Amino acid sequence: MALIKREQAGGKLVAMTGDGTNDAPALAQADVG
């Protein structure tokens, strides 16, 4: 989550993949999850 927010704070769009419940917060935060 912290990495995604740092990238987005710099005006960048972020994409990521995930399959676990622990990935859900980051998937929701990413521009393309």
PDB file of all heavy atoms in Angstrom:
ATOM      1  N   MET A   1       0.831  -1.206   0.000  1.00  0.00           N
ATOM      2  CA  MET A   1       0.000   0.000   0.000  1.00  0.00           C
ATOM      3  C   MET A   1       0.863   1.253   0.000  1.00  0.00           C
ATOM      4  O   MET A   1       0.593   2.212  -0.735  1.00  0.00           O
ATOM      5  CB  MET A   1      -0.910  -0.008   1.223  1.00  0.00           C
ATOM      6  CG  MET A   1      -2.111  -0.917   1.099  1.00  0.00           C
ATOM      7  SD  MET A   1      -3.400  -0.190   0.064  1.00  0.00           S
ATOM      8  CE  MET A   1      -3.978   1.109   1.151  1.00  0.00           C
ATOM      9  N   ALA A   2       1.892   1.256   0.848  1.00  0.00           N
ATOM     10  CA  ALA A   2       2.759   2.435   0.946  1.00  0.00           C
ATOM     11  C   ALA A   2       3.463   2.706  -0.373  1.00  0.00           C
ATOM     12  O   ALA A   2       3.587   3.867  -0.796  1.00  0.00           O
ATOM     13  CB  ALA A   2       3.776   2.232   2.067  1.00  0.00           C
ATOM     14  N   LEU A   3       3.922   1.645  -1.047  1.00  0.00           N
ATOM     15  CA  LEU A   3       4.602   1.814  -2.333  1.00  0.00           C
ATOM     16  C   LEU A   3       3.657   2.396  -3.376  1.00  0.00           C
ATOM     17  O   LEU A   3       4.019   3.318  -4.120  1.00  0.00           O
ATOM     18  CB  LEU A   3       5.154   0.470  -2.809  1.00  0.00           C
ATOM     19  CG  LEU A   3       5.784   0.449  -4.208  1.00  0.00           C
ATOM     20  CD1 LEU A   3       6.945   1.425  -4.278  1.00  0.00           C
ATOM     21  CD2 LEU A   3       6.249  -0.960  -4.567  1.00  0.00           C
ATOM     22  N   ILE A   4       2.430   1.872  -3.429  1.00  0.00           N
ATOM     23  CA  ILE A   4       1.455   2.369  -4.407  1.00  0.00           C
ATOM     24  C   ILE A   4       1.144   3.835  -4.154  1.00  0.00           C
ATOM     25  O   ILE A   4       1.092   4.654  -5.078  1.00  0.00           O
ATOM     26  CB  ILE A   4       0.173   1.520  -4.358  1.00  0.00           C
ATOM     27  CG1 ILE A   4       0.461   0.102  -4.864  1.00  0.00           C
ATOM     28  CG2 ILE A   4      -0.936   2.154  -5.198  1.00  0.00           C
ATOM     29  CD1 ILE A   4      -0.698  -0.858  -4.691  1.00  0.00           C
ATOM     30  N   LYS A   5       0.953   4.201  -2.890  1.00  0.00           N
ATOM     31  CA  LYS A   5       0.618   5.587  -2.558  1.00  0.00           C
ATOM     32  C   LYS A   5       1.769   6.534  -2.887  1.00  0.00           C
ATOM     33  O   LYS A   5       1.543   7.664  -3.335  1.00  0.00           O
ATOM     34  CB  LYS A   5       0.250   5.698  -1.081  1.00  0.00           C
ATOM     35  CG  LYS A   5      -1.104   5.074  -0.743  1.00  0.00           C
ATOM     36  CD  LYS A   5      -1.432   5.212   0.738  1.00  0.00           C
ATOM     37  CE  LYS A   5      -2.800   4.631   1.050  1.00  0.00           C
ATOM     38  NZ  LYS A   5      -3.138   4.745   2.490  1.00  0.00           N
ATOM     39  N   ARG A   6       3.015   6.077  -2.686  1.00  0.00           N
ATOM     40  CA  ARG A   6       4.168   6.920  -3.041  1.00  0.00           C
ATOM     41  C   ARG A   6       4.210   7.177  -4.543  1.00  0.00           C
ATOM     42  O   ARG A   6       4.473   8.301  -4.990  1.00  0.00           O
ATOM     43  CB  ARG A   6       5.465   6.249  -2.589  1.00  0.00           C
ATOM     44  CG  ARG A   6       5.763   6.350  -1.114  1.00  0.00           C
ATOM     45  CD  ARG A   6       7.230   6.094  -0.829  1.00  0.00           C
ATOM     46  NE  ARG A   6       7.695   4.825  -1.349  1.00  0.00           N
ATOM     47  CZ  ARG A   6       7.633   3.672  -0.670  1.00  0.00           C
ATOM     48  NH1 ARG A   6       7.108   3.649   0.543  1.00  0.00           N
ATOM     49  NH2 ARG A   6       8.093   2.548  -1.203  1.00  0.00           N
ATOM     50  N   GLU A   7       3.963   6.133  -5.318  1.00  0.00           N
ATOM     51  CA  GLU A   7       3.972   6.284  -6.776  1.00  0.00           C
ATOM     52  C   GLU A   7       2.846   7.219  -7.221  1.00  0.00           C
ATOM     53  O   GLU A   7       3.038   8.093  -8.072  1.00  0.00           O
ATOM     54  CB  GLU A   7       3.819   4.921  -7.448  1.00  0.00           C
ATOM     55  CG  GLU A   7       4.983   3.979  -7.236  1.00  0.00           C
ATOM     56  CD  GLU A   7       6.227   4.414  -7.988  1.00  0.00           C
ATOM     57  OE1 GLU A   7       6.094   4.932  -9.116  1.00  0.00           O
ATOM     58  OE2 GLU A   7       7.332   4.257  -7.449  1.00  0.00           O
ATOM     59  N   GLN A   8       1.664   7.045  -6.646  1.00  0.00           N
ATOM     60  CA  GLN A   8       0.516   7.865  -7.030  1.00  0.00           C
ATOM     61  C   GLN A   8       0.700   9.318  -6.600  1.00  0.00           C
ATOM     62  O   GLN A   8       0.225  10.233  -7.277  1.00  0.00           O
ATOM     63  CB  GLN A   8      -0.765   7.290  -6.429  1.00  0.00           C
ATOM     64  CG  GLN A   8      -1.173   5.959  -7.056  1.00  0.00           C
ATOM     65  CD  GLN A   8      -2.340   5.309  -6.342  1.00  0.00           C
ATOM     66  OE1 GLN A   8      -2.538   5.508  -5.141  1.00  0.00           O
ATOM     67  NE2 GLN A   8      -3.116   4.506  -7.055  1.00  0.00           N
ATOM     68  N   ALA A   9       1.398   9.526  -5.483  1.00  0.00           N
ATOM     69  CA  ALA A   9       1.648  10.893  -5.029  1.00  0.00           C
ATOM     70  C   ALA A   9       2.514  11.651  -6.026  1.00  0.00           C
ATOM     71  O   ALA A   9       2.453  12.890  -6.094  1.00  0.00           O
ATOM     72  CB  ALA A   9       2.316  10.876  -3.654  1.00  0.00           C
ATOM     73  N   GLY A  10       3.304  10.908  -6.805  1.00  0.00           N
ATOM     74  CA  GLY A  10       4.141  11.528  -7.837  1.00  0.00           C
ATOM     75  C   GLY A  10       3.420  11.698  -9.160  1.00  0.00           C
ATOM     76  O   GLY A  10       4.053  12.000 -10.177  1.00  0.00           O
ATOM     77  N   GLY A  11       2.107  11.488  -9.165  1.00  0.00           N
ATOM     78  CA  GLY A  11       1.318  11.674 -10.378  1.00  0.00           C
ATOM     79  C   GLY A  11       1.330  10.484 -11.312  1.00  0.00           C
ATOM     80  O   GLY A  11       0.959  10.614 -12.480  1.00  0.00           O
ATOM     81  N   LYS A  12       1.731   9.319 -10.838  1.00  0.00           N
ATOM     82  CA  LYS A  12       1.808   8.142 -11.684  1.00  0.00           C
ATOM     83  C   LYS A  12       0.590   7.246 -11.476  1.00  0.00           C
ATOM     84  O   LYS A  12       0.002   7.222 -10.401  1.00  0.00           O
ATOM     85  CB  LYS A  12       3.079   7.344 -11.375  1.00  0.00           C
ATOM     86  CG  LYS A  12       4.365   8.133 -11.617  1.00  0.00           C
ATOM     87  CD  LYS A  12       5.579   7.321 -11.220  1.00  0.00           C
ATOM     88  CE  LYS A  12       6.872   8.114 -11.442  1.00  0.00           C
ATOM     89  NZ  LYS A  12       8.060   7.340 -10.991  1.00  0.00           N
ATOM     90  N   LEU A  13       0.226   6.502 -12.535  1.00  0.00           N
ATOM     91  CA  LEU A  13      -0.810   5.490 -12.438  1.00  0.00           C
ATOM     92  C   LEU A  13      -0.137   4.141 -12.202  1.00  0.00           C
ATOM     93  O   LEU A  13       0.861   3.818 -12.847  1.00  0.00           O
ATOM     94  CB  LEU A  13      -1.667   5.438 -13.699  1.00  0.00           C
ATOM     95  CG  LEU A  13      -2.504   6.679 -14.010  1.00  0.00           C
ATOM     96  CD1 LEU A  13      -3.391   6.429 -15.221  1.00  0.00           C
ATOM     97  CD2 LEU A  13      -3.347   7.087 -12.822  1.00  0.00           C
ATOM     98  N   VAL A  14      -0.692   3.351 -11.288  1.00  0.00           N
ATOM     99  CA  VAL A  14      -0.065   2.105 -10.851  1.00  0.00           C
ATOM    100  C   VAL A  14      -0.976   0.924 -11.148  1.00  0.00           C
ATOM    101  O   VAL A  14      -2.190   0.995 -10.950  1.00  0.00           O
ATOM    102  CB  VAL A  14       0.245   2.151  -9.337  1.00  0.00           C
ATOM    103  CG1 VAL A  14       0.929   0.870  -8.886  1.00  0.00           C
ATOM    104  CG2 VAL A  14       1.118   3.361  -9.005  1.00  0.00           C
ATOM    105  N   ALA A  15      -0.382  -0.165 -11.623  1.00  0.00           N
ATOM    106  CA  ALA A  15      -1.111  -1.409 -11.852  1.00  0.00           C
ATOM    107  C   ALA A  15      -0.460  -2.514 -11.034  1.00  0.00           C
ATOM    108  O   ALA A  15       0.758  -2.504 -10.822  1.00  0.00           O
ATOM    109  CB  ALA A  15      -1.108  -1.786 -13.331  1.00  0.00           C
ATOM    110  N   MET A  16      -1.274  -3.455 -10.562  1.00  0.00           N
ATOM    111  CA  MET A  16      -0.721  -4.604  -9.843  1.00  0.00           C
ATOM    112  C   MET A  16      -1.664  -5.797  -9.958  1.00  0.00           C
ATOM    113  O   MET A  16      -2.832  -5.651 -10.335  1.00  0.00           O
ATOM    114  CB  MET A  16      -0.474  -4.268  -8.371  1.00  0.00           C
ATOM    115  CG  MET A  16      -1.711  -4.233  -7.505  1.00  0.00           C
ATOM    116  SD  MET A  16      -1.294  -4.417  -5.745  1.00  0.00           S
ATOM    117  CE  MET A  16      -0.810  -6.151  -5.678  1.00  0.00           C
ATOM    118  N   THR A  17      -1.133  -6.974  -9.643  1.00  0.00           N
ATOM    119  CA  THR A  17      -1.930  -8.191  -9.623  1.00  0.00           C
ATOM    120  C   THR A  17      -1.954  -8.749  -8.205  1.00  0.00           C
ATOM    121  O   THR A  17      -1.077  -8.463  -7.396  1.00  0.00           O
ATOM    122  CB  THR A  17      -1.352  -9.262 -10.565  1.00  0.00           C
ATOM    123  OG1 THR A  17      -0.035  -9.605 -10.112  1.00  0.00           O
ATOM    124  CG2 THR A  17      -1.280  -8.763 -11.982  1.00  0.00           C
ATOM    125  N   GLY A  18      -2.981  -9.560  -7.926  1.00  0.00           N
ATOM    126  CA  GLY A  18      -3.060 -10.188  -6.615  1.00  0.00           C
ATOM    127  C   GLY A  18      -4.157 -11.224  -6.593  1.00  0.00           C
ATOM    128  O   GLY A  18      -5.060 -11.220  -7.433  1.00  0.00           O
ATOM    129  N   ASP A  19      -4.082 -12.134  -5.617  1.00  0.00           N
ATOM    130  CA  ASP A  19      -5.109 -13.168  -5.522  1.00  0.00           C
ATOM    131  C   ASP A  19      -5.541 -13.455  -4.093  1.00  0.00           C
ATOM    132  O   ASP A  19      -6.532 -14.152  -3.876  1.00  0.00           O
ATOM    133  CB  ASP A  19      -4.639 -14.469  -6.180  1.00  0.00           C
ATOM    134  CG  ASP A  19      -3.354 -15.005  -5.564  1.00  0.00           C
ATOM    135  OD1 ASP A  19      -2.860 -14.399  -4.596  1.00  0.00           O
ATOM    136  OD2 ASP A  19      -2.847 -16.037  -6.049  1.00  0.00           O
ATOM    137  N   GLY A  20      -4.830 -12.912  -3.118  1.00  0.00           N
ATOM    138  CA  GLY A  20      -5.144 -13.215  -1.734  1.00  0.00           C
ATOM    139  C   GLY A  20      -5.901 -12.101  -1.038  1.00  0.00           C
ATOM    140  O   GLY A  20      -5.941 -10.961  -1.505  1.00  0.00           O
ATOM    141  N   THR A  21      -6.490 -12.446   0.103  1.00  0.00           N
ATOM    142  CA  THR A  21      -7.186 -11.439   0.900  1.00  0.00           C
ATOM    143  C   THR A  21      -6.226 -10.345   1.335  1.00  0.00           C
ATOM    144  O   THR A  21      -6.592  -9.164   1.421  1.00  0.00           O
ATOM    145  CB  THR A  21      -7.822 -12.106   2.134  1.00  0.00           C
ATOM    146  OG1 THR A  21      -8.749 -13.105   1.689  1.00  0.00           O
ATOM    147  CG2 THR A  21      -8.553 -11.095   2.994  1.00  0.00           C
ATOM    148  N   ASN A  22      -4.960 -10.717   1.582  1.00  0.00           N
ATOM    149  CA  ASN A  22      -3.983  -9.709   1.988  1.00  0.00           C
ATOM    150  C   ASN A  22      -3.604  -8.768   0.842  1.00  0.00           C
ATOM    151  O   ASN A  22      -2.976  -7.734   1.070  1.00  0.00           O
ATOM    152  CB  ASN A  22      -2.731 -10.381   2.554  1.00  0.00           C
ATOM    153  CG  ASN A  22      -2.002 -11.221   1.518  1.00  0.00           C
ATOM    154  OD1 ASN A  22      -2.613 -11.679   0.551  1.00  0.00           O
ATOM    155  ND2 ASN A  22      -0.723 -11.435   1.708  1.00  0.00           N
ATOM    156  N   ASP A  23      -3.978  -9.135  -0.396  1.00  0.00           N
ATOM    157  CA  ASP A  23      -3.722  -8.254  -1.542  1.00  0.00           C
ATOM    158  C   ASP A  23      -4.858  -7.262  -1.771  1.00  0.00           C
ATOM    159  O   ASP A  23      -4.707  -6.318  -2.547  1.00  0.00           O
ATOM    160  CB  ASP A  23      -3.543  -9.079  -2.830  1.00  0.00           C
ATOM    161  CG  ASP A  23      -2.274  -9.904  -2.817  1.00  0.00           C
ATOM    162  OD1 ASP A  23      -1.260  -9.412  -2.290  1.00  0.00           O
ATOM    163  OD2 ASP A  23      -2.300 -11.039  -3.319  1.00  0.00           O
ATOM    164  N   ALA A  24      -6.007  -7.490  -1.122  1.00  0.00           N
ATOM    165  CA  ALA A  24      -7.204  -6.689  -1.394  1.00  0.00           C
ATOM    166  C   ALA A  24      -6.989  -5.189  -1.183  1.00  0.00           C
ATOM    167  O   ALA A  24      -7.389  -4.384  -2.025  1.00  0.00           O
ATOM    168  CB  ALA A  24      -8.378  -7.187  -0.556  1.00  0.00           C
ATOM    169  N   PRO A  25      -6.361  -4.745  -0.079  1.00  0.00           N
ATOM    170  CA  PRO A  25      -6.165  -3.299   0.084  1.00  0.00           C
ATOM    171  C   PRO A  25      -5.351  -2.676  -1.047  1.00  0.00           C
ATOM    172  O   PRO A  25      -5.690  -1.596  -1.537  1.00  0.00           O
ATOM    173  CB  PRO A  25      -5.430  -3.200   1.429  1.00  0.00           C
ATOM    174  CG  PRO A  25      -5.796  -4.445   2.157  1.00  0.00           C
ATOM    175  CD  PRO A  25      -5.895  -5.494   1.102  1.00  0.00           C
ATOM    176  N   ALA A  26      -4.276  -3.361  -1.449  1.00  0.00           N
ATOM    177  CA  ALA A  26      -3.438  -2.823  -2.524  1.00  0.00           C
ATOM    178  C   ALA A  26      -4.157  -2.849  -3.865  1.00  0.00           C
ATOM    179  O   ALA A  26      -4.017  -1.934  -4.679  1.00  0.00           O
ATOM    180  CB  ALA A  26      -2.127  -3.611  -2.613  1.00  0.00           C
ATOM    181  N   LEU A  27      -4.946  -3.896  -4.123  1.00  0.00           N
ATOM    182  CA  LEU A  27      -5.719  -3.963  -5.364  1.00  0.00           C
ATOM    183  C   LEU A  27      -6.725  -2.826  -5.443  1.00  0.00           C
ATOM    184  O   LEU A  27      -6.953  -2.247  -6.509  1.00  0.00           O
ATOM    185  CB  LEU A  27      -6.454  -5.307  -5.463  1.00  0.00           C
ATOM    186  CG  LEU A  27      -5.605  -6.535  -5.790  1.00  0.00           C
ATOM    187  CD1 LEU A  27      -6.423  -7.811  -5.606  1.00  0.00           C
ATOM    188  CD2 LEU A  27      -5.063  -6.457  -7.215  1.00  0.00           C
ATOM    189  N   ALA A  28      -7.334  -2.508  -4.310  1.00  0.00           N
ATOM    190  CA  ALA A  28      -8.303  -1.407  -4.289  1.00  0.00           C
ATOM    191  C   ALA A  28      -7.619  -0.063  -4.465  1.00  0.00           C
ATOM    192  O   ALA A  28      -8.172   0.856  -5.077  1.00  0.00           O
ATOM    193  CB  ALA A  28      -9.084  -1.431  -2.976  1.00  0.00           C
ATOM    194  N   GLN A  29      -6.388   0.070  -3.962  1.00  0.00           N
ATOM    195  CA  GLN A  29      -5.671   1.344  -4.054  1.00  0.00           C
ATOM    196  C   GLN A  29      -5.091   1.559  -5.445  1.00  0.00           C
ATOM    197  O   GLN A  29      -5.015   2.701  -5.923  1.00  0.00           O
ATOM    198  CB  GLN A  29      -4.540   1.365  -3.021  1.00  0.00           C
ATOM    199  CG  GLN A  29      -3.712   2.639  -3.009  1.00  0.00           C
ATOM    200  CD  GLN A  29      -4.504   3.843  -2.554  1.00  0.00           C
ATOM    201  OE1 GLN A  29      -5.364   3.746  -1.690  1.00  0.00           O
ATOM    202  NE2 GLN A  29      -4.239   4.999  -3.145  1.00  0.00           N
ATOM    203  N   ALA A  30      -4.678   0.481  -6.123  1.00  0.00           N
ATOM    204  CA  ALA A  30      -4.051   0.610  -7.441  1.00  0.00           C
ATOM    205  C   ALA A  30      -5.046   1.147  -8.463  1.00  0.00           C
ATOM    206  O   ALA A  30      -6.248   0.913  -8.370  1.00  0.00           O
ATOM    207  CB  ALA A  30      -3.511  -0.747  -7.898  1.00  0.00           C
ATOM    208  N   ASP A  31      -4.539   1.881  -9.438  1.00  0.00           N
ATOM    209  CA  ASP A  31      -5.399   2.401 -10.506  1.00  0.00           C
ATOM    210  C   ASP A  31      -5.918   1.269 -11.378  1.00  0.00           C
ATOM    211  O   ASP A  31      -7.041   1.332 -11.879  1.00  0.00           O
ATOM    212  CB  ASP A  31      -4.609   3.407 -11.348  1.00  0.00           C
ATOM    213  CG  ASP A  31      -4.128   4.581 -10.519  1.00  0.00           C
ATOM    214  OD1 ASP A  31      -4.949   5.455 -10.196  1.00  0.00           O
ATOM    215  OD2 ASP A  31      -2.934   4.604 -10.167  1.00  0.00           O
ATOM    216  N   VAL A  32      -5.090   0.250 -11.575  1.00  0.00           N
ATOM    217  CA  VAL A  32      -5.502  -0.958 -12.293  1.00  0.00           C
ATOM    218  C   VAL A  32      -5.175  -2.143 -11.401  1.00  0.00           C
ATOM    219  O   VAL A  32      -4.015  -2.514 -11.251  1.00  0.00           O
ATOM    220  CB  VAL A  32      -4.783  -1.100 -13.651  1.00  0.00           C
ATOM    221  CG1 VAL A  32      -5.235  -2.376 -14.361  1.00  0.00           C
ATOM    222  CG2 VAL A  32      -5.040   0.112 -14.528  1.00  0.00           C
ATOM    223  N   GLY A  33      -6.194  -2.709 -10.771  1.00  0.00           N
ATOM    224  CA  GLY A  33      -5.996  -3.854  -9.899  1.00  0.00           C
ATOM    225  C   GLY A  33      -6.577  -5.093 -10.542  1.00  0.00           C
ATOM    226  O   GLY A  33      -7.790  -5.200 -10.721  1.00  0.00           O
TER     227      GLY A  33
END
